[in-house]
């Protein structure tokens, strides 16, 4: 007997907003930290971030990637941001210092004034965060921008899910 047509289409996974960071941050840290540490620094003068710094940066990138994805789907930004903040503050995979640093990076992005519309989102994050970590003039791409782009992969994964409160 033939299946009804609707069963041939795989159902999207549900992605409750409060489960995004607990689900994606550990995986991002597991691969992103060693990946960043093994990546060559090709930009003269770029400082290699410490393990704690890169963990905070990756968590902030996942946070903002999820927030941007929800924004694109017309979710209430204030509600999503509150939920992501609450879940970030309770992530057992990060130390208290790393959680607080990740939140400061999120705030730094929102406080940053020069965003060039024709640049990709990872460039925006890197430019907003550059002075936090680097003493040389901002340059893109960099080892740091590759780490940010990796953290933003959450958007690609979430595009295969149904986001919900």
N, C-alpha and C. Protein backbone atom coordinates (compact mmCIF):
# COMPACT_ATOMS: atom_id res chain seq x y z
N UNK A 1 0.83 -1.17 0.00
CA UNK A 1 0.00 0.00 0.00
C UNK A 1 0.89 1.25 0.00
N UNK A 2 0.54 2.25 -0.78
CA UNK A 2 1.31 3.49 -0.84
C UNK A 2 1.09 4.33 0.41
N UNK A 3 2.18 5.01 0.81
CA UNK A 3 2.08 5.93 1.93
C UNK A 3 1.39 7.22 1.48
N UNK A 4 0.65 7.84 2.36
CA UNK A 4 0.11 9.15 2.02
C UNK A 4 1.27 10.11 1.76
N UNK A 5 1.11 11.09 0.86
CA UNK A 5 2.22 11.96 0.49
C UNK A 5 2.85 12.71 1.66
N UNK A 6 2.08 13.09 2.66
CA UNK A 6 2.63 13.87 3.76
C UNK A 6 3.64 13.09 4.61
N UNK A 7 3.63 11.79 4.57
CA UNK A 7 4.58 11.02 5.37
C UNK A 7 5.93 10.89 4.69
N UNK A 8 6.02 11.25 3.42
CA UNK A 8 7.31 11.20 2.73
C UNK A 8 8.20 12.39 3.08
N UNK A 9 7.62 13.42 3.62
CA UNK A 9 8.37 14.61 4.00
C UNK A 9 8.75 14.48 5.47
N UNK A 10 10.04 14.50 5.78
CA UNK A 10 10.41 14.36 7.19
C UNK A 10 9.91 15.56 8.00
N UNK A 11 9.41 15.26 9.17
CA UNK A 11 8.94 16.32 10.06
C UNK A 11 10.15 17.05 10.64
N UNK A 12 10.05 18.37 10.72
CA UNK A 12 11.14 19.15 11.30
C UNK A 12 11.21 18.88 12.80
N UNK A 13 12.42 18.90 13.31
CA UNK A 13 12.62 18.75 14.75
C UNK A 13 12.12 20.01 15.45
N UNK A 14 11.55 19.82 16.62
CA UNK A 14 11.13 20.96 17.42
C UNK A 14 12.33 21.51 18.15
N UNK A 15 12.43 22.83 18.23
CA UNK A 15 13.55 23.48 18.91
C UNK A 15 13.01 24.53 19.88
N UNK A 16 12.66 24.10 21.10
CA UNK A 16 12.25 25.09 22.10
C UNK A 16 13.42 26.04 22.39
N UNK A 17 13.15 27.31 22.45
CA UNK A 17 14.21 28.31 22.61
C UNK A 17 15.04 28.05 23.87
N UNK A 18 14.41 27.62 24.95
CA UNK A 18 15.17 27.40 26.19
C UNK A 18 16.10 26.20 26.10
N UNK A 19 15.98 25.38 25.06
CA UNK A 19 16.87 24.22 24.88
C UNK A 19 17.98 24.47 23.85
N UNK A 20 17.97 25.60 23.18
CA UNK A 20 18.96 25.85 22.13
C UNK A 20 20.37 25.90 22.70
N UNK A 21 20.62 26.77 23.67
CA UNK A 21 21.99 26.88 24.20
C UNK A 21 22.44 25.61 24.90
N UNK A 22 21.61 24.99 25.76
CA UNK A 22 22.06 23.74 26.38
C UNK A 22 22.34 22.63 25.37
N UNK A 23 21.70 22.69 24.21
CA UNK A 23 21.92 21.67 23.19
C UNK A 23 23.12 21.98 22.30
N UNK A 24 23.29 23.25 21.93
CA UNK A 24 24.30 23.60 20.93
C UNK A 24 25.63 24.06 21.52
N UNK A 25 25.63 24.71 22.67
CA UNK A 25 26.90 25.22 23.21
C UNK A 25 27.87 24.09 23.53
N UNK A 26 27.47 23.00 24.20
CA UNK A 26 28.45 21.93 24.49
C UNK A 26 29.09 21.36 23.23
N UNK A 27 28.31 21.13 22.20
CA UNK A 27 28.84 20.59 20.94
C UNK A 27 29.78 21.60 20.29
N UNK A 28 29.39 22.87 20.30
CA UNK A 28 30.23 23.92 19.72
C UNK A 28 31.55 24.03 20.47
N UNK A 29 31.51 23.94 21.78
CA UNK A 29 32.74 24.00 22.57
C UNK A 29 33.61 22.77 22.32
N UNK A 30 32.99 21.61 22.24
CA UNK A 30 33.73 20.36 22.06
C UNK A 30 34.59 20.38 20.80
N UNK A 31 34.06 20.94 19.74
CA UNK A 31 34.81 20.98 18.48
C UNK A 31 35.47 22.34 18.24
N UNK A 32 34.83 23.41 18.69
CA UNK A 32 35.31 24.75 18.38
C UNK A 32 36.58 25.15 19.11
N UNK A 33 36.70 24.75 20.38
CA UNK A 33 37.90 25.12 21.15
C UNK A 33 39.14 24.45 20.57
N UNK A 34 39.16 23.12 20.39
CA UNK A 34 40.35 22.51 19.80
C UNK A 34 40.58 22.96 18.36
N UNK A 35 39.50 23.21 17.63
CA UNK A 35 39.65 23.70 16.25
C UNK A 35 40.33 25.05 16.20
N UNK A 36 39.92 25.94 17.09
CA UNK A 36 40.55 27.26 17.16
C UNK A 36 42.00 27.14 17.60
N UNK A 37 42.25 26.33 18.61
CA UNK A 37 43.62 26.19 19.13
C UNK A 37 44.57 25.58 18.10
N UNK A 38 44.05 24.78 17.20
CA UNK A 38 44.88 24.15 16.17
C UNK A 38 45.02 25.01 14.91
N UNK A 39 44.14 25.98 14.75
CA UNK A 39 44.15 26.82 13.54
C UNK A 39 45.36 27.76 13.55
N UNK A 40 45.95 27.96 12.40
CA UNK A 40 47.08 28.89 12.34
C UNK A 40 46.60 30.34 12.49
N UNK A 41 47.44 31.14 13.10
CA UNK A 41 47.18 32.58 13.19
C UNK A 41 47.94 33.19 12.02
N UNK A 42 47.21 33.62 11.00
CA UNK A 42 47.88 34.13 9.81
C UNK A 42 47.93 35.66 9.77
N UNK A 43 47.19 36.30 10.64
CA UNK A 43 47.16 37.75 10.69
C UNK A 43 48.26 38.23 11.63
N UNK A 44 49.22 38.95 11.09
CA UNK A 44 50.35 39.42 11.90
C UNK A 44 49.86 40.25 13.08
N UNK A 45 50.26 39.85 14.27
CA UNK A 45 49.89 40.58 15.48
C UNK A 45 48.62 40.10 16.16
N UNK A 46 47.87 39.20 15.51
CA UNK A 46 46.65 38.71 16.15
C UNK A 46 47.04 37.83 17.34
N UNK A 47 46.45 38.10 18.47
CA UNK A 47 46.71 37.35 19.69
C UNK A 47 45.81 36.11 19.74
N UNK A 48 46.41 34.98 20.11
CA UNK A 48 45.62 33.75 20.28
C UNK A 48 44.83 33.90 21.58
N UNK A 49 43.52 33.67 21.50
CA UNK A 49 42.67 33.76 22.67
C UNK A 49 42.91 32.58 23.59
N UNK A 50 42.75 32.82 24.89
CA UNK A 50 42.88 31.72 25.86
C UNK A 50 41.69 30.78 25.71
N UNK A 51 41.80 29.61 26.30
CA UNK A 51 40.70 28.64 26.23
C UNK A 51 39.42 29.23 26.82
N UNK A 52 39.54 29.94 27.92
CA UNK A 52 38.36 30.55 28.55
C UNK A 52 37.76 31.63 27.65
N UNK A 53 38.60 32.44 27.03
CA UNK A 53 38.11 33.49 26.14
C UNK A 53 37.39 32.91 24.93
N UNK A 54 37.96 31.87 24.33
CA UNK A 54 37.33 31.30 23.14
C UNK A 54 36.03 30.60 23.51
N UNK A 55 35.96 30.02 24.69
CA UNK A 55 34.72 29.40 25.15
C UNK A 55 33.62 30.46 25.30
N UNK A 56 33.96 31.60 25.87
CA UNK A 56 33.00 32.69 26.01
C UNK A 56 32.58 33.23 24.65
N UNK A 57 33.54 33.40 23.77
CA UNK A 57 33.27 33.91 22.42
C UNK A 57 32.34 32.95 21.67
N UNK A 58 32.61 31.67 21.73
CA UNK A 58 31.77 30.69 21.03
C UNK A 58 30.35 30.68 21.60
N UNK A 59 30.22 30.73 22.93
CA UNK A 59 28.89 30.75 23.55
C UNK A 59 28.13 32.01 23.13
N UNK A 60 28.80 33.14 23.09
CA UNK A 60 28.15 34.39 22.67
C UNK A 60 27.75 34.32 21.20
N UNK A 61 28.57 33.70 20.37
CA UNK A 61 28.23 33.56 18.95
C UNK A 61 27.01 32.65 18.77
N UNK A 62 26.93 31.57 19.52
CA UNK A 62 25.76 30.69 19.44
C UNK A 62 24.52 31.47 19.90
N UNK A 63 24.64 32.21 20.99
CA UNK A 63 23.55 33.02 21.51
C UNK A 63 23.05 33.97 20.43
N UNK A 64 23.95 34.74 19.84
CA UNK A 64 23.53 35.74 18.85
C UNK A 64 23.07 35.10 17.54
N UNK A 65 23.62 33.95 17.18
CA UNK A 65 23.14 33.24 16.00
C UNK A 65 21.71 32.76 16.20
N UNK A 66 21.42 32.25 17.39
CA UNK A 66 20.05 31.81 17.69
C UNK A 66 19.10 33.00 17.73
N UNK A 67 19.56 34.10 18.31
CA UNK A 67 18.73 35.31 18.38
C UNK A 67 18.44 35.86 16.98
N UNK A 68 19.46 35.87 16.14
CA UNK A 68 19.25 36.35 14.77
C UNK A 68 18.27 35.44 14.02
N UNK A 69 18.41 34.14 14.19
CA UNK A 69 17.51 33.20 13.53
C UNK A 69 16.06 33.44 13.98
N UNK A 70 15.87 33.59 15.28
CA UNK A 70 14.52 33.86 15.80
C UNK A 70 13.98 35.18 15.27
N UNK A 71 14.85 36.17 15.17
CA UNK A 71 14.45 37.47 14.63
C UNK A 71 13.98 37.34 13.19
N UNK A 72 14.69 36.58 12.41
CA UNK A 72 14.31 36.36 11.01
C UNK A 72 12.95 35.67 10.88
N UNK A 73 12.57 34.94 11.92
CA UNK A 73 11.27 34.25 11.93
C UNK A 73 10.19 35.09 12.61
N UNK A 74 10.50 36.34 12.92
CA UNK A 74 9.55 37.28 13.52
C UNK A 74 9.17 36.94 14.96
N UNK A 75 10.05 36.25 15.69
CA UNK A 75 9.80 36.00 17.11
C UNK A 75 9.99 37.29 17.89
N UNK A 76 9.39 37.38 19.05
CA UNK A 76 9.53 38.54 19.94
C UNK A 76 10.97 38.57 20.46
N UNK A 77 11.74 39.56 19.99
CA UNK A 77 13.18 39.61 20.31
C UNK A 77 13.43 39.74 21.81
N UNK A 78 12.64 40.52 22.49
CA UNK A 78 12.83 40.71 23.92
C UNK A 78 12.63 39.38 24.66
N UNK A 79 11.58 38.68 24.31
CA UNK A 79 11.29 37.40 24.95
C UNK A 79 12.37 36.36 24.65
N UNK A 80 12.81 36.30 23.41
CA UNK A 80 13.86 35.36 23.03
C UNK A 80 15.17 35.69 23.74
N UNK A 81 15.51 36.97 23.76
CA UNK A 81 16.76 37.38 24.41
C UNK A 81 16.73 37.06 25.90
N UNK A 82 15.60 37.30 26.55
CA UNK A 82 15.47 36.96 27.98
C UNK A 82 15.65 35.46 28.20
N UNK A 83 15.03 34.66 27.35
CA UNK A 83 15.13 33.21 27.48
C UNK A 83 16.56 32.74 27.25
N UNK A 84 17.21 33.26 26.23
CA UNK A 84 18.60 32.87 25.95
C UNK A 84 19.53 33.31 27.08
N UNK A 85 19.29 34.49 27.62
CA UNK A 85 20.12 34.99 28.73
C UNK A 85 19.96 34.08 29.94
N UNK A 86 18.73 33.75 30.28
CA UNK A 86 18.46 32.88 31.42
C UNK A 86 19.14 31.52 31.24
N UNK A 87 19.04 30.96 30.04
CA UNK A 87 19.65 29.63 29.83
C UNK A 87 21.17 29.72 29.79
N UNK A 88 21.71 30.80 29.25
CA UNK A 88 23.17 30.95 29.24
C UNK A 88 23.70 31.00 30.67
N UNK A 89 23.00 31.71 31.54
CA UNK A 89 23.45 31.85 32.92
C UNK A 89 23.39 30.54 33.71
N UNK A 90 22.70 29.54 33.18
CA UNK A 90 22.61 28.27 33.89
C UNK A 90 23.35 27.14 33.18
N UNK A 91 24.12 27.47 32.14
CA UNK A 91 24.84 26.41 31.41
C UNK A 91 25.94 25.81 32.28
N UNK A 92 25.89 24.50 32.55
CA UNK A 92 26.93 23.88 33.36
C UNK A 92 28.25 23.70 32.61
N UNK A 93 28.22 23.86 31.29
CA UNK A 93 29.43 23.65 30.48
C UNK A 93 30.39 24.82 30.53
N UNK A 94 29.94 25.94 31.09
CA UNK A 94 30.78 27.13 31.21
C UNK A 94 30.96 27.49 32.68
N UNK A 95 32.12 28.05 32.99
CA UNK A 95 32.32 28.55 34.35
C UNK A 95 31.51 29.83 34.52
N UNK A 96 31.32 30.27 35.74
CA UNK A 96 30.59 31.52 35.99
C UNK A 96 31.27 32.68 35.27
N UNK A 97 32.58 32.72 35.30
CA UNK A 97 33.33 33.78 34.61
C UNK A 97 33.08 33.74 33.10
N UNK A 98 33.08 32.54 32.51
CA UNK A 98 32.83 32.40 31.07
C UNK A 98 31.41 32.81 30.71
N UNK A 99 30.44 32.44 31.55
CA UNK A 99 29.05 32.85 31.30
C UNK A 99 28.92 34.37 31.32
N UNK A 100 29.51 35.00 32.31
CA UNK A 100 29.43 36.47 32.43
C UNK A 100 30.16 37.14 31.26
N UNK A 101 31.30 36.59 30.87
CA UNK A 101 32.04 37.16 29.74
C UNK A 101 31.23 37.03 28.45
N UNK A 102 30.58 35.89 28.25
CA UNK A 102 29.74 35.70 27.06
C UNK A 102 28.62 36.74 27.04
N UNK A 103 28.00 36.99 28.17
CA UNK A 103 26.93 38.01 28.22
C UNK A 103 27.48 39.41 27.95
N UNK A 104 28.68 39.69 28.45
CA UNK A 104 29.29 41.01 28.15
C UNK A 104 29.55 41.14 26.65
N UNK A 105 29.94 40.04 25.99
CA UNK A 105 30.15 40.08 24.54
C UNK A 105 28.84 40.32 23.81
N UNK A 106 27.77 39.71 24.27
CA UNK A 106 26.45 39.95 23.67
C UNK A 106 26.11 41.43 23.81
N UNK A 107 26.28 41.97 25.00
CA UNK A 107 25.98 43.40 25.23
C UNK A 107 26.89 44.28 24.39
N UNK A 108 28.14 43.91 24.28
CA UNK A 108 29.08 44.70 23.47
C UNK A 108 28.62 44.77 22.02
N UNK A 109 28.09 43.66 21.50
CA UNK A 109 27.58 43.67 20.14
C UNK A 109 26.42 44.66 20.01
N UNK A 110 25.48 44.61 20.96
CA UNK A 110 24.32 45.51 20.88
C UNK A 110 24.70 46.97 21.10
N UNK A 111 25.79 47.22 21.81
CA UNK A 111 26.24 48.60 22.04
C UNK A 111 27.12 49.13 20.92
N UNK A 112 27.57 48.25 20.03
CA UNK A 112 28.49 48.64 18.96
C UNK A 112 27.74 49.51 17.96
N UNK A 113 28.35 50.60 17.55
CA UNK A 113 27.64 51.59 16.74
C UNK A 113 27.86 51.49 15.23
N UNK A 114 28.96 50.95 14.78
CA UNK A 114 29.24 50.95 13.34
C UNK A 114 29.05 49.54 12.79
N UNK A 115 27.91 49.33 12.18
CA UNK A 115 27.63 48.06 11.52
C UNK A 115 27.46 48.35 10.04
N UNK A 116 28.30 47.74 9.23
CA UNK A 116 28.22 47.95 7.78
C UNK A 116 27.28 46.93 7.17
N UNK A 117 26.20 47.42 6.61
CA UNK A 117 25.13 46.56 6.11
C UNK A 117 25.59 45.54 5.07
N UNK A 118 26.61 45.88 4.31
CA UNK A 118 27.03 44.99 3.23
C UNK A 118 28.02 43.91 3.69
N UNK A 119 28.22 43.78 4.99
CA UNK A 119 29.15 42.78 5.52
C UNK A 119 28.38 41.64 6.17
N UNK A 120 28.95 40.44 6.20
CA UNK A 120 28.26 39.30 6.81
C UNK A 120 28.18 39.43 8.33
N UNK A 121 27.25 38.68 8.91
CA UNK A 121 27.00 38.75 10.36
C UNK A 121 28.24 38.41 11.17
N UNK A 122 29.02 37.42 10.73
CA UNK A 122 30.23 37.08 11.51
C UNK A 122 31.22 38.24 11.53
N UNK A 123 31.28 39.02 10.46
CA UNK A 123 32.14 40.20 10.41
C UNK A 123 31.63 41.24 11.42
N UNK A 124 30.33 41.41 11.51
CA UNK A 124 29.77 42.36 12.47
C UNK A 124 30.18 41.98 13.90
N UNK A 125 30.03 40.69 14.23
CA UNK A 125 30.39 40.25 15.57
C UNK A 125 31.87 40.46 15.84
N UNK A 126 32.70 40.07 14.88
CA UNK A 126 34.15 40.22 15.05
C UNK A 126 34.55 41.67 15.25
N UNK A 127 33.97 42.54 14.45
CA UNK A 127 34.32 43.95 14.57
C UNK A 127 33.88 44.50 15.93
N UNK A 128 32.72 44.11 16.40
CA UNK A 128 32.24 44.56 17.70
C UNK A 128 33.10 44.03 18.84
N UNK A 129 33.63 42.82 18.68
CA UNK A 129 34.38 42.17 19.75
C UNK A 129 35.90 42.34 19.64
N UNK A 130 36.38 42.81 18.52
CA UNK A 130 37.82 42.83 18.24
C UNK A 130 38.63 43.49 19.36
N UNK A 131 38.24 44.70 19.75
CA UNK A 131 39.02 45.44 20.75
C UNK A 131 39.00 44.76 22.12
N UNK A 132 38.05 43.91 22.36
CA UNK A 132 38.00 43.15 23.61
C UNK A 132 39.18 42.19 23.72
N UNK A 133 39.65 41.71 22.58
CA UNK A 133 40.67 40.67 22.57
C UNK A 133 41.98 41.07 21.90
N UNK A 134 41.93 42.02 20.97
CA UNK A 134 43.10 42.31 20.14
C UNK A 134 43.55 43.76 20.30
N UNK A 135 44.86 43.97 20.14
CA UNK A 135 45.40 45.33 20.24
C UNK A 135 45.79 45.88 18.86
N UNK A 136 45.66 45.07 17.82
CA UNK A 136 45.98 45.54 16.46
C UNK A 136 44.70 46.04 15.80
N UNK A 137 44.82 46.82 14.73
CA UNK A 137 43.61 47.28 14.03
C UNK A 137 42.78 46.11 13.51
N UNK A 138 41.47 46.32 13.49
CA UNK A 138 40.55 45.27 13.06
C UNK A 138 40.85 44.83 11.63
N UNK A 139 40.80 43.52 11.42
CA UNK A 139 41.00 42.95 10.10
C UNK A 139 40.14 41.71 9.97
N UNK A 140 39.61 41.52 8.78
CA UNK A 140 38.74 40.37 8.49
C UNK A 140 39.17 39.79 7.16
N UNK A 141 39.34 38.51 7.04
CA UNK A 141 39.14 37.46 8.03
C UNK A 141 40.33 37.31 8.98
N UNK A 142 40.11 36.53 10.02
CA UNK A 142 41.13 36.27 11.03
C UNK A 142 40.82 34.92 11.67
N UNK A 143 41.72 34.45 12.52
CA UNK A 143 41.44 33.21 13.24
C UNK A 143 40.22 33.39 14.13
N UNK A 144 40.09 34.58 14.71
CA UNK A 144 38.94 34.87 15.56
C UNK A 144 37.64 34.83 14.75
N UNK A 145 37.68 35.37 13.53
CA UNK A 145 36.46 35.38 12.71
C UNK A 145 36.05 33.96 12.31
N UNK A 146 37.02 33.09 12.14
CA UNK A 146 36.70 31.69 11.83
C UNK A 146 36.00 31.03 13.01
N UNK A 147 36.44 31.35 14.23
CA UNK A 147 35.79 30.80 15.43
C UNK A 147 34.37 31.34 15.55
N UNK A 148 34.19 32.62 15.28
CA UNK A 148 32.85 33.21 15.34
C UNK A 148 31.94 32.55 14.30
N UNK A 149 32.44 32.38 13.10
CA UNK A 149 31.65 31.74 12.04
C UNK A 149 31.26 30.33 12.46
N UNK A 150 32.15 29.62 13.12
CA UNK A 150 31.83 28.28 13.60
C UNK A 150 30.69 28.33 14.62
N UNK A 151 30.75 29.28 15.56
CA UNK A 151 29.68 29.43 16.54
C UNK A 151 28.34 29.76 15.90
N UNK A 152 28.39 30.49 14.79
CA UNK A 152 27.16 30.88 14.10
C UNK A 152 26.55 29.75 13.28
N UNK A 153 27.22 28.62 13.20
CA UNK A 153 26.65 27.46 12.50
C UNK A 153 25.32 27.04 13.11
N UNK A 154 25.05 27.49 14.32
CA UNK A 154 23.76 27.18 14.96
C UNK A 154 22.61 27.60 14.05
N UNK A 155 22.78 28.67 13.28
CA UNK A 155 21.72 29.14 12.39
C UNK A 155 21.38 28.10 11.33
N UNK A 156 22.40 27.48 10.78
CA UNK A 156 22.17 26.44 9.76
C UNK A 156 21.42 25.26 10.37
N UNK A 157 21.82 24.86 11.56
CA UNK A 157 21.15 23.76 12.23
C UNK A 157 19.71 24.12 12.58
N UNK A 158 19.50 25.33 13.08
CA UNK A 158 18.14 25.75 13.45
C UNK A 158 17.22 25.88 12.25
N UNK A 159 17.79 26.12 11.07
CA UNK A 159 16.95 26.25 9.88
C UNK A 159 16.26 24.92 9.54
N UNK A 160 16.74 23.84 10.12
CA UNK A 160 16.15 22.52 9.90
C UNK A 160 15.15 22.17 11.01
N UNK A 161 14.89 23.12 11.88
CA UNK A 161 14.02 22.89 13.03
C UNK A 161 12.84 23.86 13.02
N UNK A 162 11.86 23.52 13.84
CA UNK A 162 10.74 24.42 14.09
C UNK A 162 10.99 25.08 15.43
N UNK A 163 11.28 26.35 15.42
CA UNK A 163 11.56 27.10 16.63
C UNK A 163 10.24 27.34 17.38
N UNK A 164 10.29 27.23 18.69
CA UNK A 164 9.09 27.47 19.50
C UNK A 164 9.48 27.99 20.88
N UNK A 165 8.52 28.68 21.50
CA UNK A 165 8.75 29.19 22.87
C UNK A 165 8.71 28.07 23.86
